[in-house]
Amino acid sequence: MSVVDSACEELFERMEDDTCAYCEGGLVMGQYKDTAAVLCEDCGTPAIRVW
């Protein structure tokens, strides 16, 4: 894993369990359009995405 990957993973972990800015749903790590992302489990909006 490269330094960039480690930094992204750390950021993703920090954002997980935060609240969605659009619908107040919970944020989880996952995939958005085949890329790594932290997204809302209720509305599916990505809070952060890396590609």
C-alpha atoms as a PDB file:
ATOM      1  CA  MET A   1       0.000   0.000   0.000  1.00  0.00           C
ATOM      2  CA  SER A   2       1.438   3.384  -0.965  1.00  0.00           C
ATOM      3  CA  VAL A   3       1.529   6.496   1.220  1.00  0.00           C
ATOM      4  CA  VAL A   4      -1.385   7.981  -0.735  1.00  0.00           C
ATOM      5  CA  ASP A   5      -3.443   4.846  -0.195  1.00  0.00           C
ATOM      6  CA  SER A   6      -2.702   4.928   3.546  1.00  0.00           C
ATOM      7  CA  ALA A   7      -3.683   8.597   3.765  1.00  0.00           C
ATOM      8  CA  CYS A   8      -6.924   7.967   1.885  1.00  0.00           C
ATOM      9  CA  GLU A   9      -7.789   4.998   4.074  1.00  0.00           C
ATOM     10  CA  GLU A  10      -7.174   7.055   7.223  1.00  0.00           C
ATOM     11  CA  LEU A  11      -9.412   9.850   5.913  1.00  0.00           C
ATOM     12  CA  PHE A  12     -12.129   7.339   4.985  1.00  0.00           C
ATOM     13  CA  GLU A  13     -11.994   5.823   8.479  1.00  0.00           C
ATOM     14  CA  ARG A  14     -12.285   9.273  10.076  1.00  0.00           C
ATOM     15  CA  MET A  15     -15.374  10.095   8.011  1.00  0.00           C
ATOM     16  CA  GLU A  16     -17.108   6.772   8.569  1.00  0.00           C
ATOM     17  CA  ASP A  17     -19.964   7.090  11.075  1.00  0.00           C
ATOM     18  CA  ASP A  18     -20.333  10.831  10.358  1.00  0.00           C
ATOM     19  CA  THR A  19     -23.647  12.241   9.148  1.00  0.00           C
ATOM     20  CA  CYS A  20     -24.628  12.924   5.528  1.00  0.00           C
ATOM     21  CA  ALA A  21     -24.825  16.638   4.704  1.00  0.00           C
ATOM     22  CA  TYR A  22     -27.865  16.051   2.472  1.00  0.00           C
ATOM     23  CA  CYS A  23     -30.191  13.749   4.408  1.00  0.00           C
ATOM     24  CA  GLU A  24     -28.663  13.227   7.881  1.00  0.00           C
ATOM     25  CA  GLY A  25     -28.109   9.494   7.151  1.00  0.00           C
ATOM     26  CA  GLY A  26     -24.996   7.660   8.331  1.00  0.00           C
ATOM     27  CA  LEU A  27     -21.794   7.510   6.274  1.00  0.00           C
ATOM     28  CA  VAL A  28     -20.086   4.190   5.519  1.00  0.00           C
ATOM     29  CA  MET A  29     -17.089   3.065   3.445  1.00  0.00           C
ATOM     30  CA  GLY A  30     -18.019   1.467   0.153  1.00  0.00           C
ATOM     31  CA  GLN A  31     -17.982   1.790  -3.628  1.00  0.00           C
ATOM     32  CA  TYR A  32     -19.435   4.590  -5.755  1.00  0.00           C
ATOM     33  CA  LYS A  33     -19.345   4.089  -9.530  1.00  0.00           C
ATOM     34  CA  ASP A  34     -16.579   1.480  -9.139  1.00  0.00           C
ATOM     35  CA  THR A  35     -14.327   3.710  -6.989  1.00  0.00           C
ATOM     36  CA  ALA A  36     -13.556   3.763  -3.268  1.00  0.00           C
ATOM     37  CA  ALA A  37     -15.807   6.169  -1.377  1.00  0.00           C
ATOM     38  CA  VAL A  38     -17.442   7.118   1.881  1.00  0.00           C
ATOM     39  CA  LEU A  39     -21.132   7.411   1.101  1.00  0.00           C
ATOM     40  CA  CYS A  40     -24.483   7.778   2.789  1.00  0.00           C
ATOM     41  CA  GLU A  41     -26.141   4.461   3.517  1.00  0.00           C
ATOM     42  CA  ASP A  42     -29.578   6.106   3.178  1.00  0.00           C
ATOM     43  CA  CYS A  43     -29.384   8.285   0.040  1.00  0.00           C
ATOM     44  CA  GLY A  44     -26.167   6.953  -1.575  1.00  0.00           C
ATOM     45  CA  THR A  45     -24.551  10.388  -1.949  1.00  0.00           C
ATOM     46  CA  PRO A  46     -20.742  10.192  -1.698  1.00  0.00           C
ATOM     47  CA  ALA A  47     -19.108  12.414   0.929  1.00  0.00           C
ATOM     48  CA  ILE A  48     -15.628  11.655  -0.415  1.00  0.00           C
ATOM     49  CA  ARG A  49     -14.432   9.621  -3.384  1.00  0.00           C
ATOM     50  CA  VAL A  50     -11.013   8.627  -4.709  1.00  0.00           C
ATOM     51  CA  TRP A  51     -10.347   7.666  -8.325  1.00  0.00           C
END
